[in-house]
Amino acid sequence: MQTLPRISTTEMEVTSIRLERELKDRLKALAGNRGYQALIREVLWNYIQQKSEESSQKVSRQDIRATIAATAEREETCALTGVVISPQEPMLLGLTLSGEMAPLSIDSLSE
């Protein structure tokens, strides 16, 4: 997942959102010194990136922290090479730096 550029809050639009008091309190506790509004923006951007086709499972080799052997239950696309992984074909699940699991073809990490 790519890091989003940080812009000044003066360049942002003001938006009003209603949150339950408990949700706001929990967000504040999780956010710590950076502030809960920054945390909300980060959560929303992460959601957008996960849902966009652009970021859909495309990673670099440097993003992979560890791999786990697996078997594809449905057709998958290797996040490194774009190669199709057929159902019941051996594959790897790559743990990324962002903590997500990405499908990898068996030979996608070989040099």
N, C-alpha and C. Protein backbone atom coordinates (compact mmCIF):
# COMPACT_ATOMS: atom_id res chain seq x y z
N MET A 1 0.83 -1.17 0.00
CA MET A 1 0.00 0.00 0.00
C MET A 1 0.88 1.23 0.00
N GLN A 2 0.54 2.19 -0.79
CA GLN A 2 1.38 3.37 -0.88
C GLN A 2 1.07 4.36 0.23
N THR A 3 2.06 5.16 0.61
CA THR A 3 1.86 6.19 1.61
C THR A 3 1.23 7.39 0.94
N LEU A 4 0.22 7.94 1.58
CA LEU A 4 -0.47 9.09 1.01
C LEU A 4 0.29 10.37 1.34
N PRO A 5 0.31 11.31 0.39
CA PRO A 5 0.98 12.58 0.68
C PRO A 5 0.21 13.34 1.76
N ARG A 6 0.93 13.96 2.65
CA ARG A 6 0.29 14.73 3.72
C ARG A 6 0.11 16.16 3.23
N ILE A 7 -1.09 16.68 3.39
CA ILE A 7 -1.34 18.06 2.99
C ILE A 7 -1.75 18.86 4.21
N SER A 8 -1.64 20.14 4.11
CA SER A 8 -2.00 21.04 5.19
C SER A 8 -3.50 20.99 5.44
N THR A 9 -3.89 21.10 6.69
CA THR A 9 -5.33 21.09 7.00
C THR A 9 -6.03 22.29 6.40
N THR A 10 -5.29 23.35 6.08
CA THR A 10 -5.93 24.51 5.45
C THR A 10 -6.36 24.20 4.02
N GLU A 11 -5.80 23.15 3.42
CA GLU A 11 -6.18 22.74 2.07
C GLU A 11 -7.32 21.72 2.07
N MET A 12 -7.77 21.33 3.26
CA MET A 12 -8.84 20.33 3.36
C MET A 12 -10.19 21.01 3.46
N GLU A 13 -11.23 20.28 3.06
CA GLU A 13 -12.59 20.78 3.21
C GLU A 13 -13.13 20.39 4.58
N VAL A 14 -13.91 21.28 5.15
CA VAL A 14 -14.53 20.99 6.44
C VAL A 14 -15.76 20.13 6.19
N THR A 15 -15.86 19.04 6.94
CA THR A 15 -16.99 18.12 6.84
C THR A 15 -17.48 17.81 8.24
N SER A 16 -18.78 17.81 8.38
CA SER A 16 -19.37 17.47 9.68
C SER A 16 -19.83 16.02 9.65
N ILE A 17 -19.51 15.29 10.70
CA ILE A 17 -19.94 13.89 10.81
C ILE A 17 -20.38 13.66 12.25
N ARG A 18 -21.46 12.95 12.40
CA ARG A 18 -21.96 12.64 13.74
C ARG A 18 -21.44 11.27 14.15
N LEU A 19 -20.82 11.23 15.33
CA LEU A 19 -20.28 9.99 15.87
C LEU A 19 -20.86 9.76 17.27
N GLU A 20 -21.06 8.50 17.59
CA GLU A 20 -21.46 8.18 18.95
C GLU A 20 -20.35 8.61 19.91
N ARG A 21 -20.71 9.06 21.08
CA ARG A 21 -19.72 9.54 22.05
C ARG A 21 -18.68 8.46 22.35
N GLU A 22 -19.13 7.21 22.52
CA GLU A 22 -18.20 6.11 22.83
C GLU A 22 -17.22 5.89 21.68
N LEU A 23 -17.70 5.96 20.43
CA LEU A 23 -16.82 5.80 19.27
C LEU A 23 -15.77 6.90 19.24
N LYS A 24 -16.21 8.13 19.45
CA LYS A 24 -15.27 9.27 19.46
C LYS A 24 -14.24 9.11 20.57
N ASP A 25 -14.68 8.69 21.76
CA ASP A 25 -13.76 8.50 22.87
C ASP A 25 -12.73 7.41 22.56
N ARG A 26 -13.18 6.33 21.94
CA ARG A 26 -12.25 5.25 21.58
C ARG A 26 -11.27 5.69 20.50
N LEU A 27 -11.76 6.46 19.53
CA LEU A 27 -10.87 6.98 18.49
C LEU A 27 -9.80 7.88 19.11
N LYS A 28 -10.21 8.73 20.02
CA LYS A 28 -9.25 9.62 20.69
C LYS A 28 -8.19 8.81 21.44
N ALA A 29 -8.63 7.75 22.12
CA ALA A 29 -7.69 6.93 22.87
C ALA A 29 -6.70 6.23 21.94
N LEU A 30 -7.20 5.72 20.80
CA LEU A 30 -6.32 5.05 19.84
C LEU A 30 -5.37 6.02 19.16
N ALA A 31 -5.84 7.23 18.90
CA ALA A 31 -5.05 8.21 18.14
C ALA A 31 -3.90 8.78 18.95
N GLY A 32 -4.08 8.87 20.24
CA GLY A 32 -3.03 9.45 21.07
C GLY A 32 -2.74 10.89 20.69
N ASN A 33 -1.46 11.22 20.56
CA ASN A 33 -1.04 12.60 20.30
C ASN A 33 -1.35 13.11 18.90
N ARG A 34 -1.57 12.21 17.95
CA ARG A 34 -1.78 12.69 16.57
C ARG A 34 -3.20 13.19 16.33
N GLY A 35 -4.13 12.89 17.21
CA GLY A 35 -5.49 13.39 17.09
C GLY A 35 -6.40 12.42 16.36
N TYR A 36 -7.65 12.39 16.81
CA TYR A 36 -8.59 11.41 16.25
C TYR A 36 -9.02 11.75 14.83
N GLN A 37 -9.01 13.02 14.45
CA GLN A 37 -9.40 13.37 13.08
C GLN A 37 -8.38 12.83 12.07
N ALA A 38 -7.11 12.90 12.43
CA ALA A 38 -6.06 12.33 11.57
C ALA A 38 -6.25 10.82 11.46
N LEU A 39 -6.61 10.17 12.56
CA LEU A 39 -6.85 8.73 12.55
C LEU A 39 -8.05 8.40 11.66
N ILE A 40 -9.11 9.18 11.74
CA ILE A 40 -10.28 8.95 10.89
C ILE A 40 -9.90 9.09 9.42
N ARG A 41 -9.12 10.12 9.08
CA ARG A 41 -8.68 10.28 7.68
C ARG A 41 -7.87 9.08 7.23
N GLU A 42 -6.96 8.60 8.09
CA GLU A 42 -6.14 7.44 7.74
C GLU A 42 -7.01 6.20 7.51
N VAL A 43 -7.97 5.98 8.38
CA VAL A 43 -8.87 4.84 8.24
C VAL A 43 -9.66 4.95 6.94
N LEU A 44 -10.17 6.13 6.63
CA LEU A 44 -10.94 6.31 5.40
C LEU A 44 -10.07 6.12 4.16
N TRP A 45 -8.85 6.65 4.16
CA TRP A 45 -7.96 6.46 3.01
C TRP A 45 -7.59 4.99 2.84
N ASN A 46 -7.35 4.30 3.94
CA ASN A 46 -7.05 2.86 3.86
C ASN A 46 -8.22 2.10 3.26
N TYR A 47 -9.43 2.46 3.64
CA TYR A 47 -10.62 1.82 3.10
C TYR A 47 -10.72 2.07 1.60
N ILE A 48 -10.51 3.31 1.19
CA ILE A 48 -10.57 3.66 -0.24
C ILE A 48 -9.52 2.87 -1.02
N GLN A 49 -8.31 2.79 -0.50
CA GLN A 49 -7.25 2.06 -1.18
C GLN A 49 -7.58 0.58 -1.30
N GLN A 50 -8.15 0.00 -0.26
CA GLN A 50 -8.51 -1.41 -0.29
C GLN A 50 -9.59 -1.68 -1.32
N LYS A 51 -10.51 -0.74 -1.49
CA LYS A 51 -11.63 -0.93 -2.39
C LYS A 51 -11.32 -0.54 -3.84
N SER A 52 -10.27 0.23 -4.04
CA SER A 52 -9.96 0.68 -5.40
C SER A 52 -9.24 -0.41 -6.17
N GLU A 53 -9.52 -0.50 -7.43
CA GLU A 53 -8.86 -1.50 -8.28
C GLU A 53 -7.38 -1.18 -8.42
N GLU A 54 -7.03 0.09 -8.34
CA GLU A 54 -5.65 0.52 -8.51
C GLU A 54 -4.72 -0.15 -7.50
N SER A 55 -5.15 -0.21 -6.25
CA SER A 55 -4.30 -0.79 -5.22
C SER A 55 -4.60 -2.26 -5.00
N SER A 56 -5.54 -2.77 -5.72
CA SER A 56 -6.01 -4.14 -5.53
C SER A 56 -4.87 -5.15 -5.67
N GLN A 57 -4.33 -5.55 -4.52
CA GLN A 57 -3.36 -6.63 -4.43
C GLN A 57 -2.10 -6.42 -5.26
N LYS A 58 -1.67 -5.20 -5.51
CA LYS A 58 -0.42 -4.97 -6.21
C LYS A 58 0.62 -4.55 -5.19
N VAL A 59 1.64 -5.37 -5.02
CA VAL A 59 2.68 -5.09 -4.04
C VAL A 59 4.04 -5.28 -4.70
N SER A 60 5.08 -4.84 -4.02
CA SER A 60 6.43 -5.08 -4.51
C SER A 60 7.08 -6.14 -3.63
N ARG A 61 8.13 -6.71 -4.10
CA ARG A 61 8.84 -7.76 -3.36
C ARG A 61 9.29 -7.25 -1.98
N GLN A 62 9.65 -5.99 -1.90
CA GLN A 62 10.11 -5.40 -0.64
C GLN A 62 8.98 -5.29 0.38
N ASP A 63 7.71 -5.33 -0.10
CA ASP A 63 6.56 -5.24 0.80
C ASP A 63 6.29 -6.55 1.54
N ILE A 64 6.88 -7.65 1.08
CA ILE A 64 6.58 -8.97 1.65
C ILE A 64 7.48 -9.24 2.85
N ARG A 65 6.85 -9.48 4.01
CA ARG A 65 7.59 -9.75 5.25
C ARG A 65 7.77 -11.24 5.47
N ALA A 66 6.77 -12.04 5.10
CA ALA A 66 6.81 -13.49 5.33
C ALA A 66 5.82 -14.15 4.39
N THR A 67 5.98 -15.45 4.19
CA THR A 67 5.05 -16.19 3.34
C THR A 67 4.56 -17.43 4.05
N ILE A 68 3.38 -17.86 3.64
CA ILE A 68 2.76 -19.07 4.17
C ILE A 68 2.30 -19.90 2.97
N ALA A 69 2.60 -21.19 2.96
CA ALA A 69 2.14 -22.07 1.89
C ALA A 69 0.63 -22.21 1.99
N ALA A 70 -0.03 -22.21 0.83
CA ALA A 70 -1.50 -22.31 0.80
C ALA A 70 -1.93 -22.97 -0.50
N THR A 71 -3.23 -23.23 -0.60
CA THR A 71 -3.84 -23.75 -1.81
C THR A 71 -4.98 -22.80 -2.19
N ALA A 72 -5.01 -22.39 -3.43
CA ALA A 72 -6.06 -21.46 -3.89
C ALA A 72 -7.41 -22.17 -3.86
N GLU A 73 -8.39 -21.54 -3.27
CA GLU A 73 -9.76 -22.07 -3.25
C GLU A 73 -10.57 -21.52 -4.42
N ARG A 74 -10.12 -20.40 -4.95
CA ARG A 74 -10.75 -19.78 -6.11
C ARG A 74 -9.64 -19.17 -6.95
N GLU A 75 -9.98 -18.67 -8.11
CA GLU A 75 -8.96 -18.05 -8.95
C GLU A 75 -8.43 -16.80 -8.27
N GLU A 76 -7.12 -16.70 -8.23
CA GLU A 76 -6.44 -15.55 -7.63
C GLU A 76 -5.48 -14.98 -8.66
N THR A 77 -5.00 -13.79 -8.41
CA THR A 77 -3.98 -13.16 -9.25
C THR A 77 -2.78 -12.84 -8.37
N CYS A 78 -1.61 -13.27 -8.79
CA CYS A 78 -0.39 -13.00 -8.02
C CYS A 78 -0.20 -11.50 -7.88
N ALA A 79 -0.03 -11.04 -6.66
CA ALA A 79 0.12 -9.62 -6.38
C ALA A 79 1.45 -9.06 -6.87
N LEU A 80 2.42 -9.91 -7.14
CA LEU A 80 3.72 -9.45 -7.64
C LEU A 80 3.81 -9.49 -9.16
N THR A 81 3.34 -10.57 -9.76
CA THR A 81 3.55 -10.78 -11.20
C THR A 81 2.30 -10.62 -12.05
N GLY A 82 1.13 -10.71 -11.44
CA GLY A 82 -0.12 -10.65 -12.20
C GLY A 82 -0.51 -11.98 -12.81
N VAL A 83 0.27 -13.04 -12.56
CA VAL A 83 -0.02 -14.37 -13.08
C VAL A 83 -1.26 -14.92 -12.39
N VAL A 84 -2.13 -15.58 -13.15
CA VAL A 84 -3.34 -16.17 -12.60
C VAL A 84 -3.00 -17.45 -11.85
N ILE A 85 -3.56 -17.60 -10.67
CA ILE A 85 -3.40 -18.81 -9.86
C ILE A 85 -4.76 -19.51 -9.89
N SER A 86 -4.78 -20.71 -10.43
CA SER A 86 -6.04 -21.45 -10.61
C SER A 86 -6.51 -22.08 -9.30
N PRO A 87 -7.82 -22.37 -9.19
CA PRO A 87 -8.32 -23.06 -8.01
C PRO A 87 -7.60 -24.39 -7.81
N GLN A 88 -7.32 -24.71 -6.57
CA GLN A 88 -6.62 -25.93 -6.13
C GLN A 88 -5.14 -25.94 -6.48
N GLU A 89 -4.63 -24.87 -7.01
CA GLU A 89 -3.20 -24.76 -7.32
C GLU A 89 -2.45 -24.29 -6.07
N PRO A 90 -1.24 -24.85 -5.83
CA PRO A 90 -0.44 -24.37 -4.70
C PRO A 90 -0.09 -22.90 -4.90
N MET A 91 -0.04 -22.17 -3.82
CA MET A 91 0.30 -20.75 -3.87
C MET A 91 0.93 -20.36 -2.54
N LEU A 92 1.31 -19.11 -2.44
CA LEU A 92 1.80 -18.55 -1.18
C LEU A 92 0.89 -17.41 -0.78
N LEU A 93 0.78 -17.18 0.51
CA LEU A 93 0.15 -15.97 1.01
C LEU A 93 1.27 -15.13 1.58
N GLY A 94 1.43 -13.91 1.05
CA GLY A 94 2.50 -13.03 1.50
C GLY A 94 1.98 -12.03 2.51
N LEU A 95 2.59 -12.00 3.68
CA LEU A 95 2.26 -11.00 4.69
C LEU A 95 2.99 -9.72 4.33
N THR A 96 2.24 -8.65 4.09
CA THR A 96 2.85 -7.38 3.68
C THR A 96 3.23 -6.53 4.88
N LEU A 97 3.98 -5.49 4.64
CA LEU A 97 4.38 -4.56 5.69
C LEU A 97 3.17 -3.92 6.35
N SER A 98 2.07 -3.78 5.59
CA SER A 98 0.86 -3.17 6.15
C SER A 98 -0.01 -4.17 6.88
N GLY A 99 0.45 -5.44 6.95
CA GLY A 99 -0.29 -6.45 7.70
C GLY A 99 -1.36 -7.18 6.90
N GLU A 100 -1.41 -6.96 5.60
CA GLU A 100 -2.38 -7.65 4.76
C GLU A 100 -1.77 -8.90 4.17
N MET A 101 -2.63 -9.82 3.76
CA MET A 101 -2.18 -11.05 3.10
C MET A 101 -2.43 -10.89 1.60
N ALA A 102 -1.41 -11.13 0.80
CA ALA A 102 -1.51 -11.00 -0.65
C ALA A 102 -1.24 -12.35 -1.30
N PRO A 103 -2.04 -12.73 -2.32
CA PRO A 103 -1.80 -13.99 -3.01
C PRO A 103 -0.53 -13.90 -3.87
N LEU A 104 0.28 -14.95 -3.82
CA LEU A 104 1.53 -14.98 -4.58
C LEU A 104 1.64 -16.33 -5.28
N SER A 105 2.09 -16.32 -6.52
CA SER A 105 2.36 -17.59 -7.21
C SER A 105 3.61 -18.20 -6.57
N ILE A 106 3.73 -19.50 -6.67
CA ILE A 106 4.83 -20.22 -6.01
C ILE A 106 6.19 -19.70 -6.42
N ASP A 107 6.39 -19.39 -7.69
CA ASP A 107 7.73 -18.95 -8.14
C ASP A 107 7.89 -17.44 -8.21
N SER A 108 6.95 -16.67 -7.69
CA SER A 108 7.01 -15.22 -7.82
C SER A 108 8.12 -14.58 -7.00
N LEU A 109 8.61 -15.25 -5.97
CA LEU A 109 9.69 -14.69 -5.17
C LEU A 109 11.07 -15.19 -5.55
N SER A 110 11.13 -16.18 -6.46
CA SER A 110 12.44 -16.66 -6.88
C SER A 110 13.09 -15.65 -7.82
N GLU A 111 14.40 -15.52 -7.65
CA GLU A 111 15.12 -14.48 -8.41
C GLU A 111 15.61 -14.98 -9.72
